[in-house]
Protein backbone atom coordinates (compact mmCIF):
# COMPACT_ATOMS: atom_id res chain seq x y z
CA MET A 1 16.03 0.15 12.99
CA ARG A 2 18.48 2.47 10.94
CA VAL A 3 15.29 5.06 9.94
CA LEU A 4 14.53 4.93 14.00
CA LEU A 5 17.94 5.96 14.51
CA VAL A 6 18.41 8.19 11.48
CA LEU A 7 15.00 10.09 13.66
CA LEU A 8 16.47 10.20 16.73
CA LEU A 9 19.90 11.21 15.50
CA PHE A 10 18.77 14.33 13.22
CA LEU A 11 15.42 15.37 13.18
CA PRO A 12 17.09 18.20 16.37
CA THR A 13 18.42 19.60 13.18
CA LEU A 14 15.17 21.09 12.26
CA LEU A 15 15.19 25.31 12.37
CA ARG A 16 14.96 26.84 15.34
CA ALA A 17 13.40 30.73 15.34
CA ASP A 18 17.33 31.66 16.89
CA ASP A 19 19.57 30.06 14.64
CA MET A 20 20.96 32.15 11.25
CA GLU A 21 20.27 31.06 8.30
CA VAL A 22 23.20 30.47 5.74
CA ASP A 23 23.98 29.06 2.42
CA VAL A 24 25.60 26.18 3.51
CA GLU A 25 26.51 24.33 6.95
CA LEU A 26 29.58 22.60 5.94
CA PHE A 27 31.55 19.56 8.44
CA LEU A 28 34.87 19.41 7.47
CA ALA A 29 36.10 15.72 8.57
CA VAL A 30 39.28 15.34 8.20
CA ASP A 31 41.57 11.66 9.11
CA VAL A 32 44.23 12.22 11.41
CA SER A 33 45.19 8.47 11.45
CA ARG A 34 48.86 7.43 12.31
CA SER A 35 49.00 5.86 8.23
CA MET A 36 49.47 9.53 8.33
CA SER A 37 53.53 11.05 9.22
CA PRO A 38 53.47 14.27 11.00
CA ALA A 39 54.82 15.95 8.24
CA GLU A 40 51.51 14.91 6.32
CA LEU A 41 49.07 16.24 8.84
CA GLU A 42 51.24 19.27 8.76
CA ILE A 43 50.61 19.58 5.15
CA GLN A 44 46.51 19.34 5.35
CA ARG A 45 45.92 21.84 7.77
CA ARG A 46 48.00 24.62 6.31
CA GLY A 47 46.19 23.85 2.92
CA TYR A 48 42.92 23.93 4.43
CA ALA A 49 44.21 27.08 5.94
CA GLU A 50 45.03 28.24 2.44
CA ALA A 51 42.15 27.59 0.77
CA ILE A 52 39.78 28.89 3.50
CA THR A 53 41.47 32.51 2.46
CA SER A 54 41.57 32.18 -1.00
CA ALA A 55 39.84 34.57 -3.31
CA ASP A 56 38.45 31.62 -4.93
CA VAL A 57 36.36 30.40 -1.86
CA LEU A 58 35.65 33.94 -0.67
CA ASP A 59 34.54 34.50 -4.13
CA ALA A 60 32.10 31.23 -3.73
CA ILE A 61 30.65 32.60 -0.15
CA HIS A 62 29.89 36.22 -1.05
CA ASN A 63 28.92 35.12 -4.56
CA GLY A 64 25.83 32.66 -2.52
CA LEU A 65 22.26 34.13 -1.92
CA LEU A 66 22.89 34.93 1.22
CA GLY A 67 26.42 35.16 1.49
CA ARG A 68 27.68 33.56 4.21
CA ILE A 69 28.28 29.76 5.50
CA ALA A 70 29.02 27.92 8.50
CA VAL A 71 31.57 26.19 8.90
CA THR A 72 33.34 23.25 11.47
CA TYR A 73 36.39 21.78 11.45
CA VAL A 74 37.16 18.30 12.84
CA GLU A 75 39.59 16.15 12.72
CA TRP A 76 38.83 11.75 13.13
CA ALA A 77 40.62 8.30 13.32
CA GLY A 78 39.10 5.76 15.43
CA GLU A 79 35.31 5.09 15.93
CA HIS A 80 35.21 7.68 18.99
CA SER A 81 37.87 9.42 17.88
CA GLN A 82 37.41 12.40 17.00
CA ARG A 83 38.73 16.31 17.98
CA VAL A 84 37.42 19.68 16.97
CA ILE A 85 39.54 22.23 16.02
CA VAL A 86 37.37 24.89 14.61
CA PRO A 87 34.23 24.92 16.25
CA TRP A 88 30.93 26.24 13.95
CA THR A 89 31.08 29.36 13.21
CA GLN A 90 29.86 31.99 10.64
CA LEU A 91 32.31 32.58 7.59
CA SER A 92 31.49 35.73 5.44
CA THR A 93 33.99 37.69 5.76
CA PRO A 94 38.14 38.15 5.23
CA GLU A 95 38.21 38.30 8.91
CA HIS A 96 36.04 35.26 9.41
CA ALA A 97 38.29 33.26 7.11
CA ARG A 98 41.86 34.48 8.64
CA SER A 99 40.20 33.70 12.16
CA VAL A 100 39.13 29.93 11.31
CA ALA A 101 42.92 29.58 9.62
CA HIS A 102 44.63 30.72 12.74
CA GLN A 103 42.66 27.97 14.53
CA ILE A 104 43.52 25.49 12.46
CA THR A 105 47.48 26.32 12.01
CA ALA A 106 47.37 27.73 15.61
CA ARG A 107 49.34 24.16 17.08
CA PHE A 108 49.66 20.63 14.99
CA ASP A 109 48.31 17.56 17.13
CA THR A 110 49.79 14.13 17.05
CA GLY A 111 47.50 11.55 14.59
CA LEU A 112 45.19 9.55 16.56
CA ARG A 113 44.39 5.15 15.95
CA ARG A 114 42.49 3.47 13.44
CA THR A 115 40.08 5.04 10.85
CA SER A 116 36.40 4.69 11.34
CA ILE A 117 35.09 6.61 8.09
CA SER A 118 31.75 5.47 9.30
CA GLY A 119 32.36 7.18 13.35
CA ALA A 120 33.39 10.12 11.46
CA LEU A 121 29.89 10.42 9.53
CA TYR A 122 27.67 9.21 12.48
CA TYR A 123 29.48 11.79 14.70
CA ALA A 124 29.20 14.74 11.77
CA ALA A 125 25.54 14.26 11.28
CA ALA A 126 24.64 14.67 14.66
CA ASP A 127 26.70 17.69 15.20
CA PHE A 128 24.56 19.62 12.99
CA ALA A 129 21.65 19.44 15.66
CA GLY A 130 21.79 22.60 17.72
CA ASN A 131 24.83 24.33 15.90
CA GLY A 132 23.42 27.94 15.86
CA PHE A 133 22.86 27.71 11.99
CA HIS A 134 19.82 26.61 9.13
CA GLY A 135 21.64 26.27 5.86
CA LEU A 136 19.96 25.82 2.67
CA ARG A 137 22.18 22.91 2.25
CA ARG A 138 24.32 20.70 4.23
CA VAL A 139 27.21 19.21 3.59
CA ILE A 140 29.73 16.53 4.94
CA ASP A 141 33.51 16.81 3.70
CA VAL A 142 35.02 13.99 4.30
CA SER A 143 39.32 13.63 3.55
CA GLY A 144 40.84 10.20 4.20
CA ASP A 145 43.97 8.11 3.22
CA GLY A 146 41.96 4.41 3.76
CA PRO A 147 39.17 1.88 4.02
CA ASN A 148 36.90 2.21 7.37
CA ASN A 149 38.73 -0.70 9.29
CA GLN A 150 37.18 0.27 12.62
CA GLY A 151 33.55 0.66 14.16
CA ARG A 152 29.69 -0.17 12.21
CA PRO A 153 29.76 -0.85 8.29
CA VAL A 154 30.64 2.54 6.43
CA GLU A 155 27.43 1.90 3.80
CA GLY A 156 25.34 2.01 6.95
CA ALA A 157 26.23 5.09 8.21
CA ARG A 158 26.67 6.86 4.64
CA ASP A 159 22.48 5.61 3.85
CA ALA A 160 21.36 6.86 7.13
CA ALA A 161 23.00 10.55 6.41
CA LEU A 162 21.55 10.41 3.16
CA GLU A 163 18.51 9.64 4.37
CA ALA A 164 18.37 12.35 6.42
CA GLY A 165 19.11 15.11 3.85
CA PHE A 166 23.11 15.34 3.79
CA ILE A 167 25.40 15.74 0.99
CA ILE A 168 28.76 13.77 1.46
CA ASN A 169 31.84 14.32 -0.05
CA GLY A 170 34.87 12.98 -0.48
CA LEU A 171 38.58 13.94 -1.10
CA PRO A 172 40.51 10.27 -0.79
CA LEU A 173 44.61 11.01 -0.28
CA MET A 174 45.95 8.82 -2.60
CA THR A 175 49.46 9.31 -2.31
CA THR A 176 51.89 6.02 -1.56
CA ASP A 177 54.14 5.11 1.12
CA ALA A 178 55.69 2.30 3.28
CA LEU A 179 51.98 2.50 5.41
CA SER A 180 50.06 2.72 2.46
CA GLU A 181 51.50 -0.30 1.38
CA ILE A 182 50.31 -1.96 4.03
CA TRP A 183 46.63 -0.05 5.04
CA GLY A 184 46.20 1.44 1.73
CA ILE A 185 43.71 0.49 -1.18
CA PRO A 186 44.94 1.63 -4.92
CA ASP A 187 41.55 2.45 -6.11
CA LEU A 188 40.67 4.44 -2.66
CA ASP A 189 38.53 6.89 -5.13
CA ILE A 190 36.42 4.02 -6.39
CA TYR A 191 35.97 3.05 -2.82
CA TYR A 192 34.73 6.50 -1.68
CA GLN A 193 32.44 6.49 -4.74
CA ASN A 194 30.62 3.43 -3.94
CA CYS A 195 30.62 3.28 -0.40
CA VAL A 196 31.25 7.02 0.94
CA ILE A 197 29.57 9.52 -0.57
CA GLY A 198 26.16 10.49 -2.09
CA GLY A 199 23.20 12.88 -2.37
CA PRO A 200 22.32 15.90 -4.58
CA GLY A 201 25.40 16.58 -6.53
CA ALA A 202 28.01 14.30 -4.67
CA PHE A 203 31.65 14.29 -5.80
CA VAL A 204 34.85 13.11 -5.41
CA ILE A 205 38.61 14.81 -5.93
CA PRO A 206 40.77 11.80 -5.52
CA VAL A 207 44.76 13.77 -4.40
CA LEU A 208 47.49 11.72 -5.81
CA ASP A 209 50.46 13.98 -4.86
CA TRP A 210 50.71 16.51 -1.73
CA ASP A 211 51.86 18.84 -3.62
CA GLN A 212 48.37 19.16 -5.24
CA PHE A 213 46.04 19.37 -1.44
CA ALA A 214 45.77 22.76 -0.98
CA GLY A 215 44.54 23.11 -4.49
CA ALA A 216 42.23 20.01 -4.13
CA VAL A 217 40.63 21.48 -1.44
CA LYS A 218 39.98 24.65 -2.72
CA ARG A 219 38.26 23.40 -5.61
CA LYS A 220 36.53 21.17 -3.31
CA LEU A 221 35.38 24.09 -1.03
CA VAL A 222 34.01 26.29 -4.35
CA LEU A 223 31.62 23.30 -5.23
CA GLU A 224 30.61 22.81 -2.58
CA ILE A 225 30.27 26.46 -1.52
CA ALA A 226 28.53 27.11 -4.75
CA GLY A 227 26.87 24.14 -5.16
CA LEU A 228 28.14 23.72 -8.45
CA PRO A 229 27.44 20.06 -10.49
CA ALA A 230 30.96 18.22 -10.21
CA ARG A 231 31.82 15.96 -13.35
CA ILE A 232 34.61 14.52 -11.82
CA GLN A 233 36.56 11.40 -13.80
CA PRO A 234 37.82 8.64 -10.93
CA VAL A 235 41.35 7.75 -11.12
CA GLN A 236 40.34 4.32 -11.30
CA TYR A 237 37.35 2.75 -12.81
CA THR A 238 35.83 -0.67 -13.83
CA LEU A 239 32.73 -0.84 -15.49
CA GLY A 240 30.01 -3.05 -13.59
CA ALA A 241 32.57 -4.20 -11.26
CA GLU A 242 30.85 -4.24 -7.94
CA TYR A 243 32.85 -3.10 -4.97
CA ASP A 244 33.21 -4.69 -1.42
CA CYS A 245 32.88 -1.97 1.11
CA LEU A 246 34.35 -4.22 3.89
CA ILE A 247 37.72 -4.04 2.31
CA GLY A 248 39.07 -2.11 4.97
CA GLU A 249 37.90 -4.21 7.73
CA LYS A 250 39.23 -7.45 5.99
CA MET A 251 42.48 -5.87 5.56
CA TRP A 252 42.55 -5.36 9.08
CA GLU A 253 41.39 -8.31 10.29
CA GLN A 254 44.61 -9.83 8.19
CA ASN A 255 47.62 -7.31 9.54
CA ARG A 256 46.10 -6.84 13.18
CA ALA A 257 48.53 -9.54 14.18
CA TYR A 258 51.14 -7.42 13.21
CA PHE A 259 49.95 -4.04 13.95
CA ASP A 260 47.08 -3.96 17.05
CA ILE A 261 50.06 -2.66 19.61
CA PRO A 262 48.41 -1.89 22.56
């Protein structure tokens, strides 16, 4: 059944005659669940805008085989809550980068309910079809501050995307506040490593403090655009331990009586 789903969703991404070839098609999936404050949502958008217009990112693009990439910026929360901020667009010049940054920071929207990484992955993988580009690599870049707690299990979504040839990287946001004490987990980097990311050269870059955010995004984009191997040691690590990828769903069931407000 999963193989059939992969075929139905992702085979349309085959090259069409009028597609523009690029070094990488990069889907930026950015968490805007309500566990994040308005100030944190603004830091995210400004951090991505700063990174995209940075000299390091532009140099990585220019040094590619074709010297151009395609990018889209989509915010996500619940299973069916995806908000397109920047549609698929070519990125190869400083002018392109400034245009993308302007779209990201033109306004600052409120957060959305729940956390469905699986929903974001299914949406992202299907969104490559007919986007007008054909990349030498196709990368889904997921940032988030908590585990999956809605929709289908995250492992199935990850495995389907990997079977279709996508690379999934992660930017777990491990900052702490009152909401993270309820909905977050202390080893979110290990959750992403075991349950979310995959594909050749896939990596996780944890963010421990919001002051690190823009720099982490820039580092991540350079690695993704250049296709460089990333040897990043997780913040938390327990050798040989099995990981429960349904931990977010279990936490939701424990807490929903207090927080599942219509």
